[in-house]
C-alpha cells in the first residue's frame, strides 16, 4: 500500500459516503413508518365515527372511474412535488396529502371487508406486511440490481389501468386472477423501489422515497384485500 492510499481523503471519503447513505435509508424508512401509522390512525378514526359508512356509500354510488382518475391525478401531483420541489415543507405536504388520499380511497374497501368478515382486514394487513418484509430483505441482501423492472412496471401499470377502465365501461368483472397479477405487480414495485433507495435516490429525497414505497405497499394491500374478498 502506498503513502497516497493512506491519505485522510482516501480513507475518509468512502466512510462518509456510507454514513450518508445509511442516514438516508434510516430517514426513508422512518418516514415510511410514519406514513403507515398516519394511514392506520386515519382509518381507525374514520371507522370510529358515523362518517365511515356515509363516505363509503357515497363513493360506492359514484363512478369508480371518476374516483380512480381523481386519485391518479392527486398521486401524480404528490409524487411530482416530493421529487422535484426543494422545500421540505412542500415535500411533507405532498407525503401527508398522498397518505390522506389513500386513506379516503380505502374507506369503501375496508367498509365492505368489515361487512363480510372483519378478520379479512387483519389477514390482508398481515400478508402485506409479511410480503413487504420478505421482498425488502431480498432486495437488500441479495446484492441484485432490480432497476431492470422499470419497463415491466411501466407497461404493467398501463395495462392494468386500461383493464380497469375497460372493465368499468364494459362491465366485466376483474376477478381473482387480476388481483393476483396486481399483487405480483406491487411486489415487483417494492423490489424496484427498495433497489432505488439502496443505490439511486439522491440522499436529500428521503421523503419522496418513502412516498413511493408507501404507494407500493398500499397497492399490494388493496389487491390482497380484493383477493380475500373474492374468495368469500
C-alpha atoms as a PDB file:
ATOM      1  CA  UNK A   1       0.000   0.000   0.000  1.00  0.00           C
ATOM      2  CA  UNK A   2       1.460   3.378  -0.988  1.00  0.00           C
ATOM      3  CA  UNK A   3       1.523   6.511   1.116  1.00  0.00           C
ATOM      4  CA  UNK A   4      -1.073   8.037  -1.204  1.00  0.00           C
ATOM      5  CA  UNK A   5      -3.516   5.300  -0.210  1.00  0.00           C
ATOM      6  CA  UNK A   6      -3.220   6.382   3.428  1.00  0.00           C
ATOM      7  CA  UNK A   7      -4.280  10.000   2.949  1.00  0.00           C
ATOM      8  CA  UNK A   8      -7.272  11.195   5.020  1.00  0.00           C
ATOM      9  CA  UNK A   9      -9.195  11.812   1.814  1.00  0.00           C
ATOM     10  CA  UNK A  10      -8.659   8.267   0.553  1.00  0.00           C
ATOM     11  CA  UNK A  11      -9.567   6.754   3.923  1.00  0.00           C
ATOM     12  CA  UNK A  12     -12.402   9.057   4.903  1.00  0.00           C
ATOM     13  CA  UNK A  13     -14.404   9.570   1.735  1.00  0.00           C
ATOM     14  CA  UNK A  14     -15.889   6.062   1.374  1.00  0.00           C
ATOM     15  CA  UNK A  15     -16.780   6.020   5.067  1.00  0.00           C
ATOM     16  CA  UNK A  16     -18.517   9.388   4.744  1.00  0.00           C
ATOM     17  CA  UNK A  17     -20.459   8.166   1.692  1.00  0.00           C
ATOM     18  CA  UNK A  18     -21.539   5.005   3.507  1.00  0.00           C
ATOM     19  CA  UNK A  19     -22.626   7.069   6.526  1.00  0.00           C
ATOM     20  CA  UNK A  20     -24.628   9.471   4.345  1.00  0.00           C
ATOM     21  CA  UNK A  21     -26.358   6.573   2.568  1.00  0.00           C
ATOM     22  CA  UNK A  22     -27.152   4.875   5.875  1.00  0.00           C
ATOM     23  CA  UNK A  23     -28.681   8.095   7.186  1.00  0.00           C
ATOM     24  CA  UNK A  24     -30.746   8.416   4.005  1.00  0.00           C
ATOM     25  CA  UNK A  25     -32.019   4.842   4.314  1.00  0.00           C
ATOM     26  CA  UNK A  26     -32.847   5.322   8.006  1.00  0.00           C
ATOM     27  CA  UNK A  27     -34.729   8.538   7.251  1.00  0.00           C
ATOM     28  CA  UNK A  28     -36.621   6.901   4.394  1.00  0.00           C
ATOM     29  CA  UNK A  29     -37.874   4.006   6.496  1.00  0.00           C
ATOM     30  CA  UNK A  30     -38.617   6.274   9.459  1.00  0.00           C
ATOM     31  CA  UNK A  31     -40.833   8.401   7.210  1.00  0.00           C
ATOM     32  CA  UNK A  32     -42.384   5.264   5.735  1.00  0.00           C
ATOM     33  CA  UNK A  33     -43.264   4.072   9.234  1.00  0.00           C
ATOM     34  CA  UNK A  34     -44.747   7.491   9.988  1.00  0.00           C
ATOM     35  CA  UNK A  35     -46.844   7.314   6.800  1.00  0.00           C
ATOM     36  CA  UNK A  36     -48.119   3.845   7.743  1.00  0.00           C
ATOM     37  CA  UNK A  37     -49.048   4.999  11.256  1.00  0.00           C
ATOM     38  CA  UNK A  38     -50.793   8.080   9.842  1.00  0.00           C
ATOM     39  CA  UNK A  39     -52.756   5.910   7.398  1.00  0.00           C
ATOM     40  CA  UNK A  40     -53.752   3.454  10.150  1.00  0.00           C
ATOM     41  CA  UNK A  41     -54.656   6.281  12.515  1.00  0.00           C
ATOM     42  CA  UNK A  42     -56.885   7.948   9.937  1.00  0.00           C
ATOM     43  CA  UNK A  43     -58.701   4.686   9.216  1.00  0.00           C
ATOM     44  CA  UNK A  44     -59.218   3.945  12.909  1.00  0.00           C
ATOM     45  CA  UNK A  45     -60.542   7.466  13.444  1.00  0.00           C
ATOM     46  CA  UNK A  46     -62.907   7.407  10.459  1.00  0.00           C
ATOM     47  CA  UNK A  47     -64.321   3.994  11.376  1.00  0.00           C
ATOM     48  CA  UNK A  48     -64.889   5.117  14.962  1.00  0.00           C
ATOM     49  CA  UNK A  49     -67.333   7.740  13.656  1.00  0.00           C
ATOM     50  CA  UNK A  50     -70.594   7.540  11.648  1.00  0.00           C
ATOM     51  CA  UNK A  51     -68.783   9.122   8.696  1.00  0.00           C
ATOM     52  CA  UNK A  52     -67.217   5.855   7.509  1.00  0.00           C
ATOM     53  CA  UNK A  53     -70.492   4.411   6.269  1.00  0.00           C
ATOM     54  CA  UNK A  54     -71.569   7.713   4.734  1.00  0.00           C
ATOM     55  CA  UNK A  55     -68.268   8.145   2.868  1.00  0.00           C
ATOM     56  CA  UNK A  56     -68.214   4.501   1.741  1.00  0.00           C
ATOM     57  CA  UNK A  57     -71.783   4.552   0.410  1.00  0.00           C
ATOM     58  CA  UNK A  58     -71.229   7.910  -1.298  1.00  0.00           C
ATOM     59  CA  UNK A  59     -68.085   6.652  -3.070  1.00  0.00           C
ATOM     60  CA  UNK A  60     -69.656   3.313  -3.996  1.00  0.00           C
ATOM     61  CA  UNK A  61     -72.551   5.145  -5.656  1.00  0.00           C
ATOM     62  CA  UNK A  62     -70.229   7.256  -7.792  1.00  0.00           C
ATOM     63  CA  UNK A  63     -68.410   6.279 -10.948  1.00  0.00           C
ATOM     64  CA  UNK A  64     -65.333   4.369  -9.907  1.00  0.00           C
ATOM     65  CA  UNK A  65     -63.541   5.736 -12.967  1.00  0.00           C
ATOM     66  CA  UNK A  66     -64.016   9.276 -11.643  1.00  0.00           C
ATOM     67  CA  UNK A  67     -62.640   8.244  -8.256  1.00  0.00           C
ATOM     68  CA  UNK A  68     -59.703   6.450  -9.918  1.00  0.00           C
ATOM     69  CA  UNK A  69     -58.996   9.421 -12.160  1.00  0.00           C
ATOM     70  CA  UNK A  70     -59.013  11.870  -9.251  1.00  0.00           C
ATOM     71  CA  UNK A  71     -56.727   9.591  -7.270  1.00  0.00           C
ATOM     72  CA  UNK A  72     -54.237   9.198 -10.152  1.00  0.00           C
ATOM     73  CA  UNK A  73     -54.066  12.972 -10.579  1.00  0.00           C
ATOM     74  CA  UNK A  74     -53.568  13.508  -6.831  1.00  0.00           C
ATOM     75  CA  UNK A  75     -50.884  10.803  -6.770  1.00  0.00           C
ATOM     76  CA  UNK A  76     -49.042  12.334  -9.718  1.00  0.00           C
ATOM     77  CA  UNK A  77     -49.066  15.808  -8.152  1.00  0.00           C
ATOM     78  CA  UNK A  78     -47.859  14.488  -4.784  1.00  0.00           C
ATOM     79  CA  UNK A  79     -45.079  12.437  -6.377  1.00  0.00           C
ATOM     80  CA  UNK A  80     -44.001  15.347  -8.594  1.00  0.00           C
ATOM     81  CA  UNK A  81     -43.786  17.731  -5.636  1.00  0.00           C
ATOM     82  CA  UNK A  82     -41.923  15.250  -3.427  1.00  0.00           C
ATOM     83  CA  UNK A  83     -39.363  14.512  -6.173  1.00  0.00           C
ATOM     84  CA  UNK A  84     -38.858  17.964  -7.698  1.00  0.00           C
ATOM     85  CA  UNK A  85     -39.598  20.715  -5.169  1.00  0.00           C
ATOM     86  CA  UNK A  86     -36.746  21.805  -2.899  1.00  0.00           C
ATOM     87  CA  UNK A  87     -38.897  22.966   0.031  1.00  0.00           C
ATOM     88  CA  UNK A  88     -39.072  20.326   2.764  1.00  0.00           C
ATOM     89  CA  UNK A  89     -42.419  21.769   3.902  1.00  0.00           C
ATOM     90  CA  UNK A  90     -43.840  21.197   0.419  1.00  0.00           C
ATOM     91  CA  UNK A  91     -42.416  17.657   0.329  1.00  0.00           C
ATOM     92  CA  UNK A  92     -44.008  16.834   3.697  1.00  0.00           C
ATOM     93  CA  UNK A  93     -47.286  18.329   2.491  1.00  0.00           C
ATOM     94  CA  UNK A  94     -47.130  16.075  -0.563  1.00  0.00           C
ATOM     95  CA  UNK A  95     -46.478  12.977   1.556  1.00  0.00           C
ATOM     96  CA  UNK A  96     -49.260  13.750   4.039  1.00  0.00           C
ATOM     97  CA  UNK A  97     -51.694  14.623   1.231  1.00  0.00           C
ATOM     98  CA  UNK A  98     -50.926  11.341  -0.511  1.00  0.00           C
ATOM     99  CA  UNK A  99     -51.485   9.336   2.678  1.00  0.00           C
ATOM    100  CA  UNK A 100     -54.792  11.131   3.269  1.00  0.00           C
ATOM    101  CA  UNK A 101     -55.863  10.404  -0.320  1.00  0.00           C
ATOM    102  CA  UNK A 102     -55.004   6.719   0.157  1.00  0.00           C
ATOM    103  CA  UNK A 103     -56.918   6.630   3.427  1.00  0.00           C
ATOM    104  CA  UNK A 104     -60.018   8.051   1.722  1.00  0.00           C
ATOM    105  CA  UNK A 105     -59.909   5.695  -1.249  1.00  0.00           C
ATOM    106  CA  UNK A 106     -59.522   2.694   1.079  1.00  0.00           C
ATOM    107  CA  UNK A 107     -62.671   3.510   3.079  1.00  0.00           C
ATOM    108  CA  UNK A 108     -65.115   1.664   0.753  1.00  0.00           C
ATOM    109  CA  UNK A 109     -62.817  -1.382   0.603  1.00  0.00           C
ATOM    110  CA  UNK A 110     -62.472  -1.550   4.382  1.00  0.00           C
ATOM    111  CA  UNK A 111     -66.221  -0.974   4.764  1.00  0.00           C
ATOM    112  CA  UNK A 112     -67.011  -3.933   2.505  1.00  0.00           C
ATOM    113  CA  UNK A 113     -64.400  -6.128   4.214  1.00  0.00           C
ATOM    114  CA  UNK A 114     -65.787  -5.302   7.665  1.00  0.00           C
ATOM    115  CA  UNK A 115     -69.304  -6.159   6.490  1.00  0.00           C
ATOM    116  CA  UNK A 116     -68.189  -9.508   5.046  1.00  0.00           C
ATOM    117  CA  UNK A 117     -65.737 -10.567   7.776  1.00  0.00           C
ATOM    118  CA  UNK A 118     -63.653  -8.121   9.879  1.00  0.00           C
ATOM    119  CA  UNK A 119     -60.845 -10.681  10.037  1.00  0.00           C
ATOM    120  CA  UNK A 120     -60.197 -10.144   6.324  1.00  0.00           C
ATOM    121  CA  UNK A 121     -58.580  -6.785   7.103  1.00  0.00           C
ATOM    122  CA  UNK A 122     -56.297  -8.390   9.700  1.00  0.00           C
ATOM    123  CA  UNK A 123     -55.301 -11.169   7.303  1.00  0.00           C
ATOM    124  CA  UNK A 124     -54.692  -8.720   4.451  1.00  0.00           C
ATOM    125  CA  UNK A 125     -52.542  -6.424   6.597  1.00  0.00           C
ATOM    126  CA  UNK A 126     -50.521  -9.386   7.905  1.00  0.00           C
ATOM    127  CA  UNK A 127     -49.946 -10.786   4.401  1.00  0.00           C
ATOM    128  CA  UNK A 128     -48.996  -7.372   3.002  1.00  0.00           C
ATOM    129  CA  UNK A 129     -46.540  -6.529   5.778  1.00  0.00           C
ATOM    130  CA  UNK A 130     -45.072 -10.035   5.646  1.00  0.00           C
ATOM    131  CA  UNK A 131     -44.570  -9.789   1.877  1.00  0.00           C
ATOM    132  CA  UNK A 132     -43.038  -6.329   2.279  1.00  0.00           C
ATOM    133  CA  UNK A 133     -40.501  -7.592   4.836  1.00  0.00           C
ATOM    134  CA  UNK A 134     -39.543 -10.588   2.681  1.00  0.00           C
ATOM    135  CA  UNK A 135     -39.237  -8.566  -0.535  1.00  0.00           C
ATOM    136  CA  UNK A 136     -37.253  -5.832   1.228  1.00  0.00           C
ATOM    137  CA  UNK A 137     -34.855  -8.468   2.591  1.00  0.00           C
ATOM    138  CA  UNK A 138     -34.425  -9.937  -0.896  1.00  0.00           C
ATOM    139  CA  UNK A 139     -33.630  -6.506  -2.363  1.00  0.00           C
ATOM    140  CA  UNK A 140     -31.259  -5.595   0.475  1.00  0.00           C
ATOM    141  CA  UNK A 141     -29.315  -8.822   0.927  1.00  0.00           C
ATOM    142  CA  UNK A 142     -29.337 -10.460  -2.499  1.00  0.00           C
ATOM    143  CA  UNK A 143     -26.992  -7.837  -3.946  1.00  0.00           C
ATOM    144  CA  UNK A 144     -29.046  -7.719  -7.146  1.00  0.00           C
ATOM    145  CA  UNK A 145     -29.960  -4.562  -9.008  1.00  0.00           C
ATOM    146  CA  UNK A 146     -33.714  -4.575  -9.688  1.00  0.00           C
ATOM    147  CA  UNK A 147     -33.701  -1.499 -11.923  1.00  0.00           C
ATOM    148  CA  UNK A 148     -34.492  -3.817 -14.868  1.00  0.00           C
ATOM    149  CA  UNK A 149     -38.066  -3.985 -13.505  1.00  0.00           C
ATOM    150  CA  UNK A 150     -38.754  -0.395 -14.564  1.00  0.00           C
ATOM    151  CA  UNK A 151     -40.067  -1.269 -18.046  1.00  0.00           C
ATOM    152  CA  UNK A 152     -42.143  -4.136 -16.658  1.00  0.00           C
ATOM    153  CA  UNK A 153     -43.726  -1.834 -14.062  1.00  0.00           C
ATOM    154  CA  UNK A 154     -44.369   0.889 -16.616  1.00  0.00           C
ATOM    155  CA  UNK A 155     -46.139  -1.347 -19.123  1.00  0.00           C
ATOM    156  CA  UNK A 156     -47.775  -3.407 -16.383  1.00  0.00           C
ATOM    157  CA  UNK A 157     -49.250  -0.224 -14.927  1.00  0.00           C
ATOM    158  CA  UNK A 158     -50.523   0.938 -18.317  1.00  0.00           C
ATOM    159  CA  UNK A 159     -52.131  -2.448 -18.999  1.00  0.00           C
ATOM    160  CA  UNK A 160     -53.659  -2.554 -15.505  1.00  0.00           C
ATOM    161  CA  UNK A 161     -55.218   0.908 -15.841  1.00  0.00           C
ATOM    162  CA  UNK A 162     -56.507   0.025 -19.311  1.00  0.00           C
ATOM    163  CA  UNK A 163     -58.017  -3.203 -17.977  1.00  0.00           C
ATOM    164  CA  UNK A 164     -59.701  -1.378 -15.082  1.00  0.00           C
ATOM    165  CA  UNK A 165     -61.130   1.254 -17.447  1.00  0.00           C
ATOM    166  CA  UNK A 166     -62.403  -1.376 -19.883  1.00  0.00           C
ATOM    167  CA  UNK A 167     -63.865  -3.390 -17.030  1.00  0.00           C
ATOM    168  CA  UNK A 168     -65.759  -0.347 -15.775  1.00  0.00           C
ATOM    169  CA  UNK A 169     -67.033   0.636 -19.211  1.00  0.00           C
ATOM    170  CA  UNK A 170     -67.986  -2.816 -20.471  1.00  0.00           C
ATOM    171  CA  UNK A 171     -68.997  -4.244 -17.121  1.00  0.00           C
ATOM    172  CA  UNK A 172     -66.863  -7.373 -16.918  1.00  0.00           C
ATOM    173  CA  UNK A 173     -65.665  -8.490 -13.502  1.00  0.00           C
ATOM    174  CA  UNK A 174     -61.964  -8.248 -12.638  1.00  0.00           C
ATOM    175  CA  UNK A 175     -61.671 -11.479 -10.721  1.00  0.00           C
ATOM    176  CA  UNK A 176     -59.180 -13.393  -8.637  1.00  0.00           C
ATOM    177  CA  UNK A 177     -56.525 -13.732 -11.337  1.00  0.00           C
ATOM    178  CA  UNK A 178     -56.433  -9.986 -11.907  1.00  0.00           C
ATOM    179  CA  UNK A 179     -55.952  -9.432  -8.179  1.00  0.00           C
ATOM    180  CA  UNK A 180     -53.127 -11.993  -8.149  1.00  0.00           C
ATOM    181  CA  UNK A 181     -51.464 -10.271 -11.112  1.00  0.00           C
ATOM    182  CA  UNK A 182     -51.710  -6.894  -9.377  1.00  0.00           C
ATOM    183  CA  UNK A 183     -50.253  -8.339  -6.167  1.00  0.00           C
ATOM    184  CA  UNK A 184     -47.321  -9.541  -8.266  1.00  0.00           C
ATOM    185  CA  UNK A 185     -47.002  -6.076  -9.844  1.00  0.00           C
ATOM    186  CA  UNK A 186     -46.997  -4.476  -6.386  1.00  0.00           C
ATOM    187  CA  UNK A 187     -44.332  -6.942  -5.231  1.00  0.00           C
ATOM    188  CA  UNK A 188     -42.150  -6.059  -8.210  1.00  0.00           C
ATOM    189  CA  UNK A 189     -42.675  -2.386  -7.381  1.00  0.00           C
ATOM    190  CA  UNK A 190     -41.450  -2.941  -3.815  1.00  0.00           C
ATOM    191  CA  UNK A 191     -38.315  -4.657  -5.146  1.00  0.00           C
ATOM    192  CA  UNK A 192     -37.717  -1.826  -7.614  1.00  0.00           C
ATOM    193  CA  UNK A 193     -38.333   0.936  -5.043  1.00  0.00           C
ATOM    194  CA  UNK A 194     -36.076  -0.717  -2.458  1.00  0.00           C
ATOM    195  CA  UNK A 195     -33.297  -1.131  -5.014  1.00  0.00           C
ATOM    196  CA  UNK A 196     -33.559   2.570  -5.891  1.00  0.00           C
ATOM    197  CA  UNK A 197     -33.485   3.511  -2.199  1.00  0.00           C
ATOM    198  CA  UNK A 198     -30.294   1.500  -1.692  1.00  0.00           C
ATOM    199  CA  UNK A 199     -28.423   2.781  -4.745  1.00  0.00           C
ATOM    200  CA  UNK A 200     -30.091   5.506  -6.786  1.00  0.00           C
ATOM    201  CA  UNK A 201     -32.168   8.064  -4.877  1.00  0.00           C
ATOM    202  CA  UNK A 202     -30.473  11.393  -4.088  1.00  0.00           C
ATOM    203  CA  UNK A 203     -29.810  11.500  -0.364  1.00  0.00           C
ATOM    204  CA  UNK A 204     -31.963  14.596   0.169  1.00  0.00           C
ATOM    205  CA  UNK A 205     -35.068  12.863  -1.274  1.00  0.00           C
ATOM    206  CA  UNK A 206     -35.939  10.530   1.583  1.00  0.00           C
ATOM    207  CA  UNK A 207     -39.482  11.945   1.711  1.00  0.00           C
ATOM    208  CA  UNK A 208     -40.046  11.121  -1.966  1.00  0.00           C
ATOM    209  CA  UNK A 209     -38.536   7.649  -1.482  1.00  0.00           C
ATOM    210  CA  UNK A 210     -40.855   6.920   1.447  1.00  0.00           C
ATOM    211  CA  UNK A 211     -43.845   8.137  -0.589  1.00  0.00           C
ATOM    212  CA  UNK A 212     -43.045   5.764  -3.460  1.00  0.00           C
ATOM    213  CA  UNK A 213     -42.540   2.810  -1.131  1.00  0.00           C
ATOM    214  CA  UNK A 214     -45.759   3.592   0.746  1.00  0.00           C
ATOM    215  CA  UNK A 215     -47.620   3.717  -2.585  1.00  0.00           C
ATOM    216  CA  UNK A 216     -46.330   0.239  -3.483  1.00  0.00           C
ATOM    217  CA  UNK A 217     -47.370  -1.166  -0.086  1.00  0.00           C
ATOM    218  CA  UNK A 218     -50.823   0.419  -0.410  1.00  0.00           C
ATOM    219  CA  UNK A 219     -51.222  -1.071  -3.895  1.00  0.00           C
ATOM    220  CA  UNK A 220     -50.411  -4.526  -2.555  1.00  0.00           C
ATOM    221  CA  UNK A 221     -52.787  -4.129   0.415  1.00  0.00           C
ATOM    222  CA  UNK A 222     -55.620  -3.076  -1.915  1.00  0.00           C
ATOM    223  CA  UNK A 223     -55.326  -6.171  -4.090  1.00  0.00           C
ATOM    224  CA  UNK A 224     -54.681  -8.551  -1.202  1.00  0.00           C
ATOM    225  CA  UNK A 225     -57.976  -7.289   0.227  1.00  0.00           C
ATOM    226  CA  UNK A 226     -59.653  -7.822  -3.158  1.00  0.00           C
ATOM    227  CA  UNK A 227     -58.209 -11.312  -3.331  1.00  0.00           C
ATOM    228  CA  UNK A 228     -59.573 -12.291   0.089  1.00  0.00           C
ATOM    229  CA  UNK A 229     -62.960 -10.736  -0.693  1.00  0.00           C
ATOM    230  CA  UNK A 230     -63.149 -12.685  -3.953  1.00  0.00           C
ATOM    231  CA  UNK A 231     -62.738 -15.919  -2.004  1.00  0.00           C
ATOM    232  CA  UNK A 232     -65.775 -15.204   0.173  1.00  0.00           C
END
